[in-house]
Amino acid sequence: MNGVVREEIDAAREDLIRILAAAILVADSRAEAEMLQKQMFIEIGFRSSEQIELMERGKGLR
């Protein structure tokens, strides 16, 4: 994956995290806030461009 694509993925991920954080603040219920928080943690923990690149490399090895 080239550097420009990686930067775009990282920027989009950061935007998504900001949107989720804002949604948590205005959630109608605690359950909704917890669900959004869980989604935010998933995005923070498992969606880095480096991990996507590693997954793509793994597909190329098969």
PDB file of N, CA and C in Angstrom:
ATOM      1  N   MET A   1       0.872  -1.175   0.000  1.00  0.00           N
ATOM      2  CA  MET A   1       0.000   0.000   0.000  1.00  0.00           C
ATOM      3  C   MET A   1       0.906   1.221   0.000  1.00  0.00           C
ATOM      4  N   ASN A   2       0.592   2.170  -0.852  1.00  0.00           N
ATOM      5  CA  ASN A   2       1.476   3.329  -0.910  1.00  0.00           C
ATOM      6  C   ASN A   2       1.154   4.312   0.212  1.00  0.00           C
ATOM      7  N   GLY A   3       2.034   5.261   0.411  1.00  0.00           N
ATOM      8  CA  GLY A   3       1.923   6.201   1.527  1.00  0.00           C
ATOM      9  C   GLY A   3       0.692   7.085   1.478  1.00  0.00           C
ATOM     10  N   VAL A   4       0.273   7.475   0.274  1.00  0.00           N
ATOM     11  CA  VAL A   4      -0.896   8.347   0.149  1.00  0.00           C
ATOM     12  C   VAL A   4      -2.152   7.605   0.602  1.00  0.00           C
ATOM     13  N   VAL A   5      -2.284   6.367   0.168  1.00  0.00           N
ATOM     14  CA  VAL A   5      -3.448   5.569   0.560  1.00  0.00           C
ATOM     15  C   VAL A   5      -3.450   5.349   2.061  1.00  0.00           C
ATOM     16  N   ARG A   6      -2.312   5.064   2.622  1.00  0.00           N
ATOM     17  CA  ARG A   6      -2.201   4.865   4.066  1.00  0.00           C
ATOM     18  C   ARG A   6      -2.625   6.117   4.824  1.00  0.00           C
ATOM     19  N   GLU A   7      -2.197   7.276   4.352  1.00  0.00           N
ATOM     20  CA  GLU A   7      -2.574   8.537   5.001  1.00  0.00           C
ATOM     21  C   GLU A   7      -4.076   8.763   4.919  1.00  0.00           C
ATOM     22  N   GLU A   8      -4.678   8.438   3.779  1.00  0.00           N
ATOM     23  CA  GLU A   8      -6.123   8.593   3.610  1.00  0.00           C
ATOM     24  C   GLU A   8      -6.885   7.655   4.541  1.00  0.00           C
ATOM     25  N   ILE A   9      -6.427   6.435   4.669  1.00  0.00           N
ATOM     26  CA  ILE A   9      -7.067   5.470   5.571  1.00  0.00           C
ATOM     27  C   ILE A   9      -6.960   5.958   7.010  1.00  0.00           C
ATOM     28  N   ASP A  10      -5.793   6.411   7.401  1.00  0.00           N
ATOM     29  CA  ASP A  10      -5.601   6.902   8.767  1.00  0.00           C
ATOM     30  C   ASP A  10      -6.464   8.127   9.051  1.00  0.00           C
ATOM     31  N   ALA A  11      -6.570   9.023   8.080  1.00  0.00           N
ATOM     32  CA  ALA A  11      -7.403  10.221   8.263  1.00  0.00           C
ATOM     33  C   ALA A  11      -8.873   9.842   8.391  1.00  0.00           C
ATOM     34  N   ALA A  12      -9.331   8.916   7.574  1.00  0.00           N
ATOM     35  CA  ALA A  12     -10.720   8.473   7.653  1.00  0.00           C
ATOM     36  C   ALA A  12     -10.995   7.782   8.986  1.00  0.00           C
ATOM     37  N   ARG A  13     -10.041   6.999   9.443  1.00  0.00           N
ATOM     38  CA  ARG A  13     -10.178   6.321  10.742  1.00  0.00           C
ATOM     39  C   ARG A  13     -10.275   7.335  11.870  1.00  0.00           C
ATOM     40  N   GLU A  14      -9.449   8.361  11.828  1.00  0.00           N
ATOM     41  CA  GLU A  14      -9.492   9.406  12.855  1.00  0.00           C
ATOM     42  C   GLU A  14     -10.831  10.141  12.826  1.00  0.00           C
ATOM     43  N   ASP A  15     -11.346  10.403  11.620  1.00  0.00           N
ATOM     44  CA  ASP A  15     -12.667  11.041  11.501  1.00  0.00           C
ATOM     45  C   ASP A  15     -13.750  10.170  12.115  1.00  0.00           C
ATOM     46  N   LEU A  16     -13.700   8.873  11.822  1.00  0.00           N
ATOM     47  CA  LEU A  16     -14.693   7.956  12.376  1.00  0.00           C
ATOM     48  C   LEU A  16     -14.633   7.932  13.898  1.00  0.00           C
ATOM     49  N   ILE A  17     -13.450   7.934  14.449  1.00  0.00           N
ATOM     50  CA  ILE A  17     -13.294   7.929  15.906  1.00  0.00           C
ATOM     51  C   ILE A  17     -13.873   9.207  16.506  1.00  0.00           C
ATOM     52  N   ARG A  18     -13.639  10.341  15.857  1.00  0.00           N
ATOM     53  CA  ARG A  18     -14.219  11.608  16.334  1.00  0.00           C
ATOM     54  C   ARG A  18     -15.749  11.576  16.294  1.00  0.00           C
ATOM     55  N   ILE A  19     -16.297  11.028  15.217  1.00  0.00           N
ATOM     56  CA  ILE A  19     -17.756  10.925  15.086  1.00  0.00           C
ATOM     57  C   ILE A  19     -18.324  10.017  16.168  1.00  0.00           C
ATOM     58  N   LEU A  20     -17.682   8.887  16.399  1.00  0.00           N
ATOM     59  CA  LEU A  20     -18.148   7.980  17.447  1.00  0.00           C
ATOM     60  C   LEU A  20     -18.065   8.632  18.823  1.00  0.00           C
ATOM     61  N   ALA A  21     -16.991   9.366  19.075  1.00  0.00           N
ATOM     62  CA  ALA A  21     -16.842  10.041  20.366  1.00  0.00           C
ATOM     63  C   ALA A  21     -17.955  11.069  20.562  1.00  0.00           C
ATOM     64  N   ALA A  22     -18.270  11.817  19.524  1.00  0.00           N
ATOM     65  CA  ALA A  22     -19.359  12.795  19.616  1.00  0.00           C
ATOM     66  C   ALA A  22     -20.697  12.102  19.824  1.00  0.00           C
ATOM     67  N   ALA A  23     -20.915  10.996  19.147  1.00  0.00           N
ATOM     68  CA  ALA A  23     -22.170  10.255  19.301  1.00  0.00           C
ATOM     69  C   ALA A  23     -22.326   9.718  20.720  1.00  0.00           C
ATOM     70  N   ILE A  24     -21.231   9.308  21.323  1.00  0.00           N
ATOM     71  CA  ILE A  24     -21.270   8.829  22.709  1.00  0.00           C
ATOM     72  C   ILE A  24     -21.756   9.950  23.631  1.00  0.00           C
ATOM     73  N   LEU A  25     -21.280  11.155  23.380  1.00  0.00           N
ATOM     74  CA  LEU A  25     -21.659  12.288  24.233  1.00  0.00           C
ATOM     75  C   LEU A  25     -23.139  12.620  24.146  1.00  0.00           C
ATOM     76  N   VAL A  26     -23.761  12.374  23.019  1.00  0.00           N
ATOM     77  CA  VAL A  26     -25.172  12.735  22.849  1.00  0.00           C
ATOM     78  C   VAL A  26     -26.098  11.518  22.801  1.00  0.00           C
ATOM     79  N   ALA A  27     -25.601  10.369  23.170  1.00  0.00           N
ATOM     80  CA  ALA A  27     -26.409   9.140  23.126  1.00  0.00           C
ATOM     81  C   ALA A  27     -27.636   9.276  24.026  1.00  0.00           C
ATOM     82  N   ASP A  28     -28.738   8.692  23.568  1.00  0.00           N
ATOM     83  CA  ASP A  28     -30.000   8.759  24.306  1.00  0.00           C
ATOM     84  C   ASP A  28     -30.026   7.857  25.534  1.00  0.00           C
ATOM     85  N   SER A  29     -29.197   6.831  25.519  1.00  0.00           N
ATOM     86  CA  SER A  29     -29.225   5.897  26.645  1.00  0.00           C
ATOM     87  C   SER A  29     -27.815   5.406  26.943  1.00  0.00           C
ATOM     88  N   ARG A  30     -27.681   4.848  28.113  1.00  0.00           N
ATOM     89  CA  ARG A  30     -26.385   4.290  28.494  1.00  0.00           C
ATOM     90  C   ARG A  30     -26.022   3.105  27.601  1.00  0.00           C
ATOM     91  N   ALA A  31     -27.021   2.285  27.259  1.00  0.00           N
ATOM     92  CA  ALA A  31     -26.762   1.128  26.397  1.00  0.00           C
ATOM     93  C   ALA A  31     -26.246   1.570  25.024  1.00  0.00           C
ATOM     94  N   GLU A  32     -26.857   2.619  24.480  1.00  0.00           N
ATOM     95  CA  GLU A  32     -26.416   3.141  23.191  1.00  0.00           C
ATOM     96  C   GLU A  32     -24.993   3.684  23.297  1.00  0.00           C
ATOM     97  N   ALA A  33     -24.700   4.400  24.355  1.00  0.00           N
ATOM     98  CA  ALA A  33     -23.360   4.945  24.563  1.00  0.00           C
ATOM     99  C   ALA A  33     -22.332   3.821  24.684  1.00  0.00           C
ATOM    100  N   GLU A  34     -22.679   2.759  25.396  1.00  0.00           N
ATOM    101  CA  GLU A  34     -21.755   1.635  25.554  1.00  0.00           C
ATOM    102  C   GLU A  34     -21.501   0.933  24.220  1.00  0.00           C
ATOM    103  N   MET A  35     -22.549   0.794  23.401  1.00  0.00           N
ATOM    104  CA  MET A  35     -22.382   0.171  22.098  1.00  0.00           C
ATOM    105  C   MET A  35     -21.464   1.016  21.213  1.00  0.00           C
ATOM    106  N   LEU A  36     -21.675   2.332  21.228  1.00  0.00           N
ATOM    107  CA  LEU A  36     -20.829   3.226  20.441  1.00  0.00           C
ATOM    108  C   LEU A  36     -19.395   3.222  20.953  1.00  0.00           C
ATOM    109  N   GLN A  37     -19.245   3.160  22.261  1.00  0.00           N
ATOM    110  CA  GLN A  37     -17.908   3.121  22.847  1.00  0.00           C
ATOM    111  C   GLN A  37     -17.184   1.843  22.428  1.00  0.00           C
ATOM    112  N   LYS A  38     -17.896   0.738  22.425  1.00  0.00           N
ATOM    113  CA  LYS A  38     -17.297  -0.527  21.999  1.00  0.00           C
ATOM    114  C   LYS A  38     -16.841  -0.432  20.547  1.00  0.00           C
ATOM    115  N   GLN A  39     -17.677   0.157  19.691  1.00  0.00           N
ATOM    116  CA  GLN A  39     -17.309   0.326  18.288  1.00  0.00           C
ATOM    117  C   GLN A  39     -16.075   1.208  18.154  1.00  0.00           C
ATOM    118  N   MET A  40     -15.999   2.260  18.966  1.00  0.00           N
ATOM    119  CA  MET A  40     -14.841   3.145  18.914  1.00  0.00           C
ATOM    120  C   MET A  40     -13.572   2.391  19.311  1.00  0.00           C
ATOM    121  N   PHE A  41     -13.667   1.571  20.346  1.00  0.00           N
ATOM    122  CA  PHE A  41     -12.493   0.806  20.769  1.00  0.00           C
ATOM    123  C   PHE A  41     -12.071  -0.181  19.686  1.00  0.00           C
ATOM    124  N   ILE A  42     -13.032  -0.757  18.990  1.00  0.00           N
ATOM    125  CA  ILE A  42     -12.702  -1.665  17.891  1.00  0.00           C
ATOM    126  C   ILE A  42     -11.939  -0.904  16.810  1.00  0.00           C
ATOM    127  N   GLU A  43     -12.421   0.281  16.476  1.00  0.00           N
ATOM    128  CA  GLU A  43     -11.747   1.083  15.453  1.00  0.00           C
ATOM    129  C   GLU A  43     -10.345   1.489  15.887  1.00  0.00           C
ATOM    130  N   ILE A  44     -10.190   1.843  17.129  1.00  0.00           N
ATOM    131  CA  ILE A  44      -8.875   2.247  17.631  1.00  0.00           C
ATOM    132  C   ILE A  44      -7.923   1.060  17.621  1.00  0.00           C
ATOM    133  N   GLY A  45      -8.430  -0.094  18.022  1.00  0.00           N
ATOM    134  CA  GLY A  45      -7.551  -1.242  18.213  1.00  0.00           C
ATOM    135  C   GLY A  45      -7.265  -2.083  17.001  1.00  0.00           C
ATOM    136  N   PHE A  46      -8.160  -2.099  16.031  1.00  0.00           N
ATOM    137  CA  PHE A  46      -8.022  -3.102  14.985  1.00  0.00           C
ATOM    138  C   PHE A  46      -8.059  -2.576  13.559  1.00  0.00           C
ATOM    139  N   ARG A  47      -8.056  -1.277  13.384  1.00  0.00           N
ATOM    140  CA  ARG A  47      -8.212  -0.766  12.030  1.00  0.00           C
ATOM    141  C   ARG A  47      -7.069   0.131  11.578  1.00  0.00           C
ATOM    142  N   SER A  48      -5.881  -0.079  12.095  1.00  0.00           N
ATOM    143  CA  SER A  48      -4.781   0.771  11.659  1.00  0.00           C
ATOM    144  C   SER A  48      -4.357   0.380  10.244  1.00  0.00           C
ATOM    145  N   SER A  49      -3.863   1.327   9.516  1.00  0.00           N
ATOM    146  CA  SER A  49      -3.438   1.054   8.141  1.00  0.00           C
ATOM    147  C   SER A  49      -2.301   0.035   8.110  1.00  0.00           C
ATOM    148  N   GLU A  50      -1.486   0.017   9.157  1.00  0.00           N
ATOM    149  CA  GLU A  50      -0.402  -0.955   9.206  1.00  0.00           C
ATOM    150  C   GLU A  50      -0.962  -2.376   9.271  1.00  0.00           C
ATOM    151  N   GLN A  51      -2.032  -2.573  10.039  1.00  0.00           N
ATOM    152  CA  GLN A  51      -2.628  -3.901  10.121  1.00  0.00           C
ATOM    153  C   GLN A  51      -3.291  -4.281   8.806  1.00  0.00           C
ATOM    154  N   ILE A  52      -3.921  -3.317   8.154  1.00  0.00           N
ATOM    155  CA  ILE A  52      -4.520  -3.587   6.847  1.00  0.00           C
ATOM    156  C   ILE A  52      -3.433  -3.995   5.861  1.00  0.00           C
ATOM    157  N   GLU A  53      -2.315  -3.287   5.902  1.00  0.00           N
ATOM    158  CA  GLU A  53      -1.204  -3.612   5.008  1.00  0.00           C
ATOM    159  C   GLU A  53      -0.684  -5.017   5.288  1.00  0.00           C
ATOM    160  N   LEU A  54      -0.562  -5.382   6.551  1.00  0.00           N
ATOM    161  CA  LEU A  54      -0.101  -6.730   6.892  1.00  0.00           C
ATOM    162  C   LEU A  54      -1.080  -7.795   6.404  1.00  0.00           C
ATOM    163  N   MET A  55      -2.380  -7.521   6.523  1.00  0.00           N
ATOM    164  CA  MET A  55      -3.379  -8.470   6.036  1.00  0.00           C
ATOM    165  C   MET A  55      -3.256  -8.624   4.527  1.00  0.00           C
ATOM    166  N   GLU A  56      -3.046  -7.516   3.814  1.00  0.00           N
ATOM    167  CA  GLU A  56      -2.903  -7.588   2.363  1.00  0.00           C
ATOM    168  C   GLU A  56      -1.653  -8.371   1.976  1.00  0.00           C
ATOM    169  N   ARG A  57      -0.581  -8.176   2.699  1.00  0.00           N
ATOM    170  CA  ARG A  57       0.642  -8.939   2.419  1.00  0.00           C
ATOM    171  C   ARG A  57       0.404 -10.424   2.647  1.00  0.00           C
ATOM    172  N   GLY A  58      -0.337 -10.745   3.703  1.00  0.00           N
ATOM    173  CA  GLY A  58      -0.642 -12.144   3.991  1.00  0.00           C
ATOM    174  C   GLY A  58      -1.422 -12.800   2.873  1.00  0.00           C
ATOM    175  N   LYS A  59      -2.343 -12.070   2.271  1.00  0.00           N
ATOM    176  CA  LYS A  59      -3.116 -12.606   1.149  1.00  0.00           C
ATOM    177  C   LYS A  59      -2.207 -12.874  -0.040  1.00  0.00           C
ATOM    178  N   GLY A  60      -1.202 -12.035  -0.211  1.00  0.00           N
ATOM    179  CA  GLY A  60      -0.286 -12.207  -1.329  1.00  0.00           C
ATOM    180  C   GLY A  60       0.609 -13.430  -1.190  1.00  0.00           C
ATOM    181  N   LEU A  61       0.804 -13.904   0.035  1.00  0.00           N
ATOM    182  CA  LEU A  61       1.670 -15.056   0.275  1.00  0.00           C
ATOM    183  C   LEU A  61       0.972 -16.379   0.007  1.00  0.00           C
ATOM    184  N   ARG A  62      -0.339 -16.357  -0.036  1.00  0.00           N
ATOM    185  CA  ARG A  62      -1.081 -17.616  -0.223  1.00  0.00           C
ATOM    186  C   ARG A  62      -1.031 -18.094  -1.638  1.00  0.00           C
TER     187      ARG A  62
END
